[in-house]
Amino acid sequence: MGAEILLVDDDPDLLKLIGLRLSAAGYRVKTAESGEAALAQTAISQPAVVVTDLRMPGIDGMQLFEQIHLQHPTLPVIILTAHGTIPDAVAATERGVFGFLTKPFDPQELLKKVAQAVAVAGQTRESSAGGDDAWRARIVTRSAKMEDLLRRARLVADSMASVLILGESGTGKELLAHAIHAASSRASKPFLAINCAAIPEQLLESELFGYARGAFTGASSAQQGLFQAADGGTLFLDEIGDMPLSLQAKLLRVLQEGMVRPVGATQSVAVDVRIVSATHRNLEQMRGDRSFREDLYYRLNVVALRLPSLAERREDIPLLVSHFLTKIATRYRKPVPTLAPDALAALVAAPWPGNVRQLENLLEQAVALSTTQVIPLSLIRHSLDDSAAPLVSFEAARRSFERDYLVRILKLTAGNAAQAAQMAGRNRTEFYKLLQRHNLEPGMFKS
């Protein structure tokens, strides 16, 4: 089981031939006979690499590349064509196409280019099969948005670049920071985290930089700070937007010089620390009103990763429910409970202002209070806010989001078209026409 390759060509014989060669090389191959079908496939699950013909009816290879890169800018695309010229190849690579091969192409050249693309995408054949996925094991998802985010996180992990993780409270910013550390060459070194909003300014300075003996009343011995303790590893600065301005200046100096001076000390100490920071605040606005230093902002925001809210990844809710119920039941030493179908539907429909953290807390409360193996809707309703609202109706969804809407409900129903049509408020005939319009088939979701 190797990395997944999406092969796109309107010639079924060529699809079969190239697919056999890629399969023989150890890759998992999915095929699509049009650009429209390929977009539907990438909405369901992201491959490691897309290999597409250039000339196709409807959406051609370059249009497919452009639409893929609007949603998934790090997904490598290789274009095959019998009509290729040197100017075509130059133009394609300048626009970001990973590779451009002219038919008839050397099969070994194609395999070499695919292997290069898989490596660049941050996957190996073994990692796609699960052998090297330990770095992200704590992140439970099947959401295309999350998979794209994790792909970018994997790419940046091995660099020295500072990472700024953005997202609402409760979306899992520390989990992502830990995953980046685990995927990096620093994984064997310490990962230390501190919440900049939870500690008073003077204490935060001592926590970060340490202090010398006698630096203040009660400092009977020298104390190492987090920068020194994390030397060689990663320091996660959570809620960096709440750091006081005076401390921001001291943090900037440490990042610029790679040296830290403990409070009350006269000598600086060299440190080698990778910084990952996070905030739910709007740092752009804070930079504008001068409540956050502009120079520190650019130092921390080398690579920005934005975590989607739970409402943006509702297809993950059943998966997260199963994960949390198992985890909580193990801690409580109880049999793993299940949710009544209408209770699960209520969770999928809820607004979740507190995101994944709120979902976990709600499920823990439900497990603690439940007297049966099946958690009923009444218990879930009691824990949910009164503002809980149902999933938006199909009629209210904008046409440009039709495919995302259909993918979401087909994932939630595991490909049950009748149930999905009912959720969408359409009869089955209309619903199948919508699926056909977006090249979606219920069978794609049954696995």
Protein backbone atom coordinates (compact mmCIF):
# COMPACT_ATOMS: atom_id res chain seq x y z
CA MET A 1 0.00 0.00 0.00
CA GLY A 2 1.74 3.13 -1.24
CA ALA A 3 0.91 6.80 -1.69
CA GLU A 4 -2.39 7.50 -3.43
CA ILE A 5 -2.16 8.78 -7.01
CA LEU A 6 -5.15 10.28 -8.83
CA LEU A 7 -4.86 9.54 -12.57
CA VAL A 8 -7.02 11.67 -14.92
CA ASP A 9 -7.50 10.97 -18.64
CA ASP A 10 -10.47 10.77 -21.02
CA ASP A 11 -8.90 7.70 -22.69
CA PRO A 12 -9.95 4.64 -20.62
CA ASP A 13 -7.30 2.40 -22.26
CA LEU A 14 -4.51 4.81 -21.34
CA LEU A 15 -5.94 5.14 -17.84
CA LYS A 16 -5.73 1.39 -17.42
CA LEU A 17 -2.21 1.15 -18.85
CA ILE A 18 -0.71 3.95 -16.73
CA GLY A 19 -2.67 2.74 -13.70
CA LEU A 20 -1.15 -0.73 -14.02
CA ARG A 21 2.36 0.72 -14.19
CA LEU A 22 1.82 2.88 -11.12
CA SER A 23 0.19 0.00 -9.21
CA ALA A 24 3.12 -2.27 -10.10
CA ALA A 25 5.44 0.38 -8.63
CA GLY A 26 3.58 0.14 -5.31
CA TYR A 27 1.19 3.09 -5.52
CA ARG A 28 -2.54 3.09 -4.83
CA VAL A 29 -4.26 4.41 -7.96
CA LYS A 30 -7.63 6.12 -8.32
CA THR A 31 -8.84 7.16 -11.75
CA ALA A 32 -11.12 9.81 -13.22
CA GLU A 33 -12.18 10.15 -16.86
CA SER A 34 -12.70 13.92 -16.75
CA GLY A 35 -11.52 17.03 -14.94
CA GLU A 36 -14.94 17.37 -13.32
CA ALA A 37 -14.75 13.83 -11.91
CA ALA A 38 -11.22 14.54 -10.66
CA LEU A 39 -12.42 17.61 -8.72
CA ALA A 40 -15.12 15.47 -7.13
CA GLN A 41 -12.48 12.89 -6.12
CA THR A 42 -10.19 15.50 -4.53
CA ALA A 43 -13.16 16.90 -2.59
CA ILE A 44 -13.73 13.45 -1.07
CA SER A 45 -10.12 12.60 -0.25
CA GLN A 46 -6.82 14.15 -1.23
CA PRO A 47 -4.30 12.07 -3.16
CA ALA A 48 -0.56 12.53 -2.77
CA VAL A 49 -0.17 13.45 -6.45
CA VAL A 50 -2.45 14.17 -9.43
CA VAL A 51 -1.34 12.96 -12.89
CA THR A 52 -3.57 14.41 -15.62
CA ASP A 53 -3.85 14.59 -19.38
CA LEU A 54 -3.73 18.12 -20.81
CA ARG A 55 -6.32 17.92 -23.60
CA MET A 56 -9.70 16.74 -22.28
CA PRO A 57 -13.32 17.75 -23.00
CA GLY A 58 -14.75 20.18 -20.45
CA ILE A 59 -12.13 21.02 -17.84
CA ASP A 60 -8.68 20.47 -19.37
CA GLY A 61 -5.47 19.68 -17.52
CA MET A 62 -4.39 23.27 -16.89
CA GLN A 63 -7.87 24.30 -15.72
CA LEU A 64 -7.92 21.26 -13.43
CA PHE A 65 -4.52 22.26 -12.02
CA GLU A 66 -5.70 25.82 -11.37
CA GLN A 67 -8.89 24.71 -9.60
CA ILE A 68 -7.02 22.15 -7.50
CA HIS A 69 -4.46 24.73 -6.44
CA LEU A 70 -7.13 27.19 -5.35
CA GLN A 71 -8.13 24.68 -2.66
CA HIS A 72 -4.95 22.65 -2.21
CA PRO A 73 -1.90 24.76 -3.15
CA THR A 74 0.64 22.14 -2.02
CA LEU A 75 -0.83 19.23 -4.03
CA PRO A 76 1.65 18.33 -6.84
CA VAL A 77 0.15 18.05 -10.34
CA ILE A 78 1.92 16.32 -13.24
CA ILE A 79 0.57 17.00 -16.75
CA LEU A 80 0.82 14.51 -19.64
CA THR A 81 0.13 15.55 -23.23
CA ALA A 82 0.61 14.44 -26.80
CA HIS A 83 0.49 18.08 -27.86
CA GLY A 84 3.30 19.40 -25.70
CA THR A 85 5.84 21.94 -26.81
CA ILE A 86 8.73 23.54 -24.97
CA PRO A 87 6.79 26.83 -24.51
CA ASP A 88 3.84 24.85 -23.09
CA ALA A 89 6.12 23.13 -20.58
CA VAL A 90 7.80 26.38 -19.56
CA ALA A 91 4.45 28.13 -19.14
CA ALA A 92 3.05 25.23 -17.11
CA THR A 93 6.00 25.00 -14.73
CA GLU A 94 6.03 28.78 -14.28
CA ARG A 95 2.43 28.56 -13.10
CA GLY A 96 3.31 25.91 -10.53
CA VAL A 97 2.76 22.58 -12.34
CA PHE A 98 5.14 20.07 -10.80
CA GLY A 99 5.98 18.20 -13.99
CA PHE A 100 5.18 18.20 -17.71
CA LEU A 101 5.73 15.03 -19.79
CA THR A 102 5.08 14.66 -23.52
CA LYS A 103 3.47 11.47 -24.90
CA PRO A 104 4.79 8.98 -25.73
CA PHE A 105 6.70 9.22 -22.45
CA ASP A 106 9.25 6.90 -20.91
CA PRO A 107 7.49 4.90 -18.16
CA GLN A 108 10.58 5.15 -15.97
CA GLU A 109 10.59 8.92 -16.38
CA LEU A 110 6.96 9.04 -15.23
CA LEU A 111 7.71 6.84 -12.20
CA LYS A 112 10.71 9.02 -11.36
CA LYS A 113 8.62 12.20 -11.59
CA VAL A 114 5.83 10.69 -9.47
CA ALA A 115 8.35 9.59 -6.81
CA GLN A 116 9.80 13.11 -6.73
CA ALA A 117 6.30 14.60 -6.35
CA VAL A 118 5.41 12.20 -3.53
CA ALA A 119 8.62 13.15 -1.72
CA VAL A 120 7.97 16.87 -2.18
CA ALA A 121 4.41 16.43 -0.89
CA GLY A 122 5.85 15.20 2.39
CA GLN A 123 4.74 11.59 1.95
CA THR A 124 6.55 8.34 1.35
CA ARG A 125 4.81 5.24 0.17
CA GLU A 126 5.21 3.81 3.66
CA SER A 127 3.80 6.92 5.34
CA SER A 128 0.63 6.82 3.25
CA ALA A 129 0.10 3.24 4.37
CA GLY A 130 0.34 4.35 7.98
CA GLY A 131 3.94 3.48 8.76
CA ASP A 132 5.08 7.07 9.21
CA ASP A 133 1.88 8.71 10.38
CA ALA A 134 2.67 8.61 14.09
CA TRP A 135 3.42 12.35 14.01
CA ARG A 136 -0.29 13.10 13.42
CA ALA A 137 -1.79 10.15 15.30
CA ARG A 138 -3.57 12.32 17.88
CA ILE A 139 -5.40 14.35 15.21
CA VAL A 140 -8.67 12.61 14.30
CA THR A 141 -10.04 13.70 10.93
CA ARG A 142 -11.35 12.76 7.50
CA SER A 143 -12.01 16.37 6.51
CA ALA A 144 -10.46 17.57 3.24
CA LYS A 145 -9.71 20.95 4.86
CA MET A 146 -7.85 19.29 7.72
CA GLU A 147 -5.97 16.93 5.40
CA ASP A 148 -4.78 19.90 3.34
CA LEU A 149 -3.68 21.68 6.52
CA LEU A 150 -1.80 18.59 7.71
CA ARG A 151 -0.10 18.29 4.35
CA ARG A 152 1.22 21.85 4.70
CA ALA A 153 2.19 21.22 8.32
CA ARG A 154 4.20 18.17 7.25
CA LEU A 155 6.00 20.20 4.60
CA VAL A 156 7.02 22.94 7.01
CA ALA A 157 7.93 20.60 9.88
CA ASP A 158 11.47 19.87 8.71
CA SER A 159 12.35 23.52 8.17
CA MET A 160 13.55 26.00 10.78
CA ALA A 161 10.72 28.40 9.92
CA SER A 162 8.65 29.82 12.77
CA VAL A 163 5.02 28.75 12.51
CA LEU A 164 1.99 30.80 13.56
CA ILE A 165 -1.14 28.70 14.14
CA LEU A 166 -4.37 30.63 13.85
CA GLY A 167 -7.83 29.47 14.83
CA GLU A 168 -10.69 29.77 17.28
CA SER A 169 -10.34 28.56 20.86
CA GLY A 170 -10.78 24.82 21.17
CA THR A 171 -9.80 23.90 17.61
CA GLY A 172 -6.66 22.00 18.65
CA LYS A 173 -3.82 24.46 18.13
CA GLU A 174 -1.52 22.77 20.65
CA LEU A 175 -2.21 19.35 19.09
CA LEU A 176 -1.11 20.71 15.71
CA ALA A 177 2.00 22.31 17.26
CA HIS A 178 2.90 18.98 18.85
CA ALA A 179 2.38 17.21 15.52
CA ILE A 180 4.72 19.65 13.76
CA HIS A 181 7.36 18.97 16.41
CA ALA A 182 6.86 15.20 16.09
CA ALA A 183 7.33 15.36 12.31
CA SER A 184 10.50 17.46 12.56
CA SER A 185 14.14 16.54 13.01
CA ARG A 186 13.77 17.90 16.57
CA ALA A 187 11.31 15.17 17.59
CA SER A 188 13.78 13.54 20.00
CA LYS A 189 14.29 16.85 21.82
CA PRO A 190 11.89 18.56 24.24
CA PHE A 191 8.52 20.02 23.27
CA LEU A 192 7.50 22.60 25.88
CA ALA A 193 4.36 24.73 25.91
CA ILE A 194 3.26 27.83 27.80
CA ASN A 195 0.02 29.83 27.72
CA CYS A 196 0.98 33.50 27.54
CA ALA A 197 -2.51 34.61 28.63
CA ALA A 198 -2.61 32.54 31.81
CA ILE A 199 0.52 33.88 33.57
CA PRO A 200 1.18 37.42 34.94
CA GLU A 201 3.81 39.43 33.06
CA GLN A 202 6.63 39.28 35.64
CA LEU A 203 6.15 35.55 36.20
CA LEU A 204 5.92 34.92 32.44
CA GLU A 205 9.31 36.58 31.91
CA SER A 206 10.89 34.34 34.54
CA GLU A 207 9.15 31.27 33.07
CA LEU A 208 10.47 32.00 29.59
CA PHE A 209 13.98 33.25 30.31
CA GLY A 210 14.76 31.87 33.78
CA TYR A 211 16.37 33.87 36.56
CA ALA A 212 19.65 34.16 38.44
CA ARG A 213 20.08 33.55 42.15
CA GLY A 214 19.07 36.65 44.09
CA ALA A 215 17.27 38.20 41.11
CA PHE A 216 14.27 38.91 43.35
CA THR A 217 12.99 38.07 46.81
CA GLY A 218 12.70 34.31 47.15
CA ALA A 219 15.12 33.49 44.32
CA SER A 220 17.43 31.42 46.52
CA SER A 221 18.84 29.53 43.54
CA ALA A 222 19.13 30.01 39.79
CA GLN A 223 16.29 28.66 37.70
CA GLN A 224 16.44 27.64 34.05
CA GLY A 225 13.73 29.10 31.80
CA LEU A 226 11.73 27.36 29.09
CA PHE A 227 14.02 28.59 26.31
CA GLN A 228 16.97 26.81 27.88
CA ALA A 229 14.93 23.77 28.85
CA ALA A 230 13.68 23.43 25.25
CA ASP A 231 17.18 23.80 23.74
CA GLY A 232 17.36 21.74 20.54
CA GLY A 233 13.60 21.27 20.54
CA THR A 234 10.39 23.25 20.12
CA LEU A 235 8.79 25.92 22.29
CA PHE A 236 5.06 26.45 21.81
CA LEU A 237 3.85 29.94 22.77
CA ASP A 238 0.08 29.65 23.06
CA GLU A 239 -2.08 32.81 22.98
CA ILE A 240 0.89 34.89 21.86
CA GLY A 241 -1.52 37.76 21.14
CA ASP A 242 -1.96 38.24 24.90
CA MET A 243 1.75 38.77 25.58
CA PRO A 244 2.43 42.26 27.06
CA LEU A 245 4.24 44.73 24.78
CA SER A 246 7.24 45.07 27.09
CA LEU A 247 7.78 41.31 27.00
CA GLN A 248 7.30 41.21 23.22
CA ALA A 249 10.44 43.35 22.84
CA LYS A 250 12.48 40.92 24.97
CA LEU A 251 11.13 37.93 23.05
CA LEU A 252 12.07 39.59 19.75
CA ARG A 253 15.65 40.07 20.92
CA VAL A 254 15.95 36.38 21.84
CA LEU A 255 14.62 35.34 18.43
CA GLN A 256 16.98 37.72 16.60
CA GLU A 257 20.11 36.89 18.56
CA GLY A 258 19.54 33.25 19.53
CA MET A 259 20.65 34.25 23.05
CA VAL A 260 18.66 34.42 26.26
CA ARG A 261 19.57 36.37 29.40
CA PRO A 262 17.91 35.13 32.62
CA VAL A 263 16.31 37.77 34.85
CA GLY A 264 18.99 39.29 37.08
CA ALA A 265 21.88 37.70 35.15
CA THR A 266 24.75 39.58 33.47
CA GLN A 267 25.61 36.91 30.87
CA SER A 268 23.51 35.61 27.97
CA VAL A 269 23.23 31.95 27.05
CA ALA A 270 22.98 30.59 23.48
CA VAL A 271 19.80 28.64 22.71
CA ASP A 272 18.62 26.70 19.67
CA VAL A 273 14.83 26.63 19.81
CA ARG A 274 12.19 26.33 17.11
CA ILE A 275 9.22 28.62 17.86
CA VAL A 276 5.63 27.63 17.15
CA SER A 277 3.09 30.18 18.35
CA ALA A 278 -0.70 30.34 18.30
CA THR A 279 -3.51 32.78 18.88
CA HIS A 280 -7.25 33.16 18.43
CA ARG A 281 -6.82 36.93 18.12
CA ASN A 282 -6.54 38.98 14.92
CA LEU A 283 -2.82 39.82 14.94
CA GLU A 284 -3.15 41.80 11.70
CA GLN A 285 -5.53 44.19 13.44
CA MET A 286 -3.40 44.24 16.61
CA ARG A 287 -0.36 45.08 14.50
CA GLY A 288 -2.30 47.95 12.95
CA ASP A 289 -3.34 49.45 16.29
CA ARG A 290 0.16 48.86 17.70
CA SER A 291 -0.91 46.48 20.47
CA PHE A 292 1.34 43.84 18.89
CA ARG A 293 4.83 44.63 17.58
CA GLU A 294 5.08 44.59 13.80
CA ASP A 295 8.66 43.28 13.80
CA LEU A 296 7.72 40.42 16.15
CA TYR A 297 4.68 39.65 14.01
CA TYR A 298 6.82 39.09 10.93
CA ARG A 299 9.36 37.11 12.93
CA LEU A 300 6.68 34.69 14.20
CA ASN A 301 4.51 34.61 11.08
CA VAL A 302 6.95 33.00 8.63
CA VAL A 303 4.42 30.26 7.91
CA ALA A 304 0.78 30.67 8.97
CA LEU A 305 -1.55 27.68 9.38
CA ARG A 306 -5.26 28.31 10.04
CA LEU A 307 -7.21 25.57 11.79
CA PRO A 308 -10.84 25.27 10.63
CA SER A 309 -13.58 25.48 13.24
CA LEU A 310 -15.56 22.35 14.08
CA ALA A 311 -18.54 23.85 12.20
CA GLU A 312 -16.36 23.87 9.06
CA ARG A 313 -15.53 20.18 9.44
CA ARG A 314 -18.84 18.65 10.55
CA GLU A 315 -18.02 15.43 8.71
CA ASP A 316 -15.46 14.81 11.48
CA ILE A 317 -18.06 14.92 14.28
CA PRO A 318 -19.09 11.20 14.12
CA LEU A 319 -15.40 10.25 14.02
CA LEU A 320 -14.55 12.52 16.97
CA VAL A 321 -17.55 11.24 18.94
CA SER A 322 -16.36 7.65 18.57
CA HIS A 323 -12.80 8.64 19.52
CA PHE A 324 -13.82 10.62 22.61
CA LEU A 325 -16.36 8.08 23.85
CA THR A 326 -13.67 5.37 23.76
CA LYS A 327 -11.14 7.63 25.49
CA ILE A 328 -13.59 8.80 28.19
CA ALA A 329 -15.00 5.33 28.86
CA THR A 330 -11.46 3.99 29.34
CA ARG A 331 -10.71 6.74 31.85
CA TYR A 332 -13.99 6.12 33.69
CA ARG A 333 -13.46 2.34 33.51
CA LYS A 334 -16.87 1.92 31.89
CA PRO A 335 -17.97 0.00 28.77
CA VAL A 336 -17.83 2.23 25.71
CA PRO A 337 -21.32 3.74 25.24
CA THR A 338 -23.01 4.63 21.97
CA LEU A 339 -25.15 7.61 20.96
CA ALA A 340 -28.79 7.29 19.92
CA PRO A 341 -29.08 8.20 16.20
CA ASP A 342 -31.09 11.36 16.95
CA ALA A 343 -28.51 12.35 19.58
CA LEU A 344 -25.71 12.06 17.01
CA ALA A 345 -27.79 14.08 14.53
CA ALA A 346 -28.17 16.81 17.17
CA LEU A 347 -24.39 16.91 17.67
CA VAL A 348 -23.78 17.16 13.93
CA ALA A 349 -26.25 20.06 13.70
CA ALA A 350 -25.04 22.05 16.74
CA PRO A 351 -23.15 25.35 16.21
CA TRP A 352 -20.10 24.46 18.42
CA PRO A 353 -18.75 27.87 19.44
CA GLY A 354 -16.27 26.03 21.69
CA ASN A 355 -15.18 23.70 18.88
CA VAL A 356 -13.57 20.30 19.55
CA ARG A 357 -12.88 21.11 23.21
CA GLN A 358 -16.59 21.80 23.77
CA LEU A 359 -17.53 18.51 22.06
CA GLU A 360 -15.16 16.52 24.28
CA ASN A 361 -16.41 18.22 27.45
CA LEU A 362 -20.04 17.63 26.46
CA LEU A 363 -19.40 13.93 25.81
CA GLU A 364 -17.58 13.55 29.14
CA GLN A 365 -20.60 15.05 30.91
CA ALA A 366 -22.92 12.71 28.99
CA VAL A 367 -20.85 9.63 29.90
CA ALA A 368 -20.73 10.68 33.56
CA LEU A 369 -24.50 11.23 33.75
CA SER A 370 -25.76 8.43 31.53
CA THR A 371 -27.30 5.42 33.26
CA THR A 372 -27.61 3.35 30.07
CA GLN A 373 -25.27 2.09 27.35
CA VAL A 374 -27.07 4.23 24.76
CA ILE A 375 -26.81 7.97 25.43
CA PRO A 376 -30.23 9.49 24.64
CA LEU A 377 -31.07 12.73 22.86
CA SER A 378 -32.51 14.23 26.05
CA LEU A 379 -29.10 14.09 27.76
CA ILE A 380 -27.38 15.65 24.76
CA ARG A 381 -29.99 18.41 24.51
CA HIS A 382 -29.51 19.19 28.17
CA SER A 383 -25.79 19.76 27.57
CA LEU A 384 -26.09 21.71 24.33
CA ASP A 385 -26.64 25.46 24.24
CA ASP A 386 -30.19 26.62 23.53
CA SER A 387 -28.77 28.31 20.43
CA ALA A 388 -28.12 24.96 18.73
CA ALA A 389 -29.39 25.17 15.18
CA PRO A 390 -29.85 22.52 12.47
CA LEU A 391 -27.52 22.13 9.52
CA VAL A 392 -28.32 24.70 6.82
CA SER A 393 -30.89 23.48 4.29
CA PHE A 394 -29.83 22.75 0.75
CA GLU A 395 -32.00 25.57 -0.62
CA ALA A 396 -30.15 28.09 1.56
CA ALA A 397 -26.72 26.93 0.39
CA ARG A 398 -25.10 28.97 -2.33
CA ARG A 399 -24.60 27.21 -5.64
CA SER A 400 -20.83 27.63 -5.49
CA PHE A 401 -20.80 25.45 -2.36
CA GLU A 402 -23.06 22.72 -3.76
CA ARG A 403 -20.30 20.14 -4.12
CA ASP A 404 -18.94 20.73 -0.60
CA TYR A 405 -22.46 20.46 0.76
CA LEU A 406 -23.13 17.18 -1.08
CA VAL A 407 -19.76 15.71 -0.05
CA ARG A 408 -20.45 16.61 3.58
CA ILE A 409 -23.85 14.93 3.80
CA LEU A 410 -22.73 11.86 1.83
CA LYS A 411 -19.85 11.45 4.27
CA LEU A 412 -22.22 11.82 7.21
CA THR A 413 -24.55 9.15 5.79
CA ALA A 414 -21.72 6.87 4.56
CA GLY A 415 -23.07 6.99 1.01
CA ASN A 416 -26.73 6.35 1.90
CA ALA A 417 -28.32 8.36 -0.93
CA ALA A 418 -31.87 8.09 0.42
CA GLN A 419 -30.87 9.44 3.84
CA ALA A 420 -28.68 12.11 2.24
CA ALA A 421 -31.55 13.24 -0.02
CA GLN A 422 -33.81 13.49 3.03
CA MET A 423 -31.21 15.60 4.87
CA ALA A 424 -30.91 17.87 1.82
CA GLY A 425 -34.67 18.30 1.57
CA ARG A 426 -34.80 16.97 -2.02
CA ASN A 427 -36.57 13.99 -3.58
CA ARG A 428 -34.29 11.19 -4.76
CA THR A 429 -34.61 12.04 -8.46
CA GLU A 430 -33.56 15.66 -7.92
CA PHE A 431 -30.82 14.57 -5.56
CA TYR A 432 -29.29 12.15 -8.07
CA LYS A 433 -29.33 14.92 -10.70
CA LEU A 434 -27.37 17.12 -8.31
CA LEU A 435 -24.87 14.32 -7.70
CA GLN A 436 -24.51 13.79 -11.45
CA ARG A 437 -23.90 17.53 -11.94
CA HIS A 438 -20.91 17.31 -9.60
CA ASN A 439 -19.69 13.86 -10.72
CA LEU A 440 -20.39 12.34 -7.33
CA GLU A 441 -21.51 8.77 -6.76
CA PRO A 442 -22.82 7.45 -3.41
CA GLY A 443 -20.52 4.42 -3.80
CA MET A 444 -17.49 6.68 -3.38
CA PHE A 445 -18.47 7.21 0.26
CA LYS A 446 -19.42 3.71 1.34
CA SER A 447 -15.90 2.80 2.44
